[in-house]
């Protein structure tokens, strides 16, 4: 899998923003088949930073109802990444 196929995009939620400011952790949505080692290598090569830790979690899609019709959102995988001290990703600055 290529680096750009592993990282699908940043997660921009209130909880992710608090973790970014207080704990210096960034949250990404990643491919479901990617493991921690692949995620670490992809982030280090794409953003040119050093990664300290990677934690992953699988998020189950919510069941939503629209009238009588039931639907389900997609399942996804998130990665919470802690960078080494002194490293920053400029993409997230000022967001």
Foldseek 3Di string as FASTA:
>chain_A
DALCQFFPAFDDDPVQVVCCVPVVKTKTWGAPPDDFVSNQVSCCVPQVFHWDGKDKDKAFWDWDDDPPDIDTDHITMMIITHGDPPDDRVVPPPD
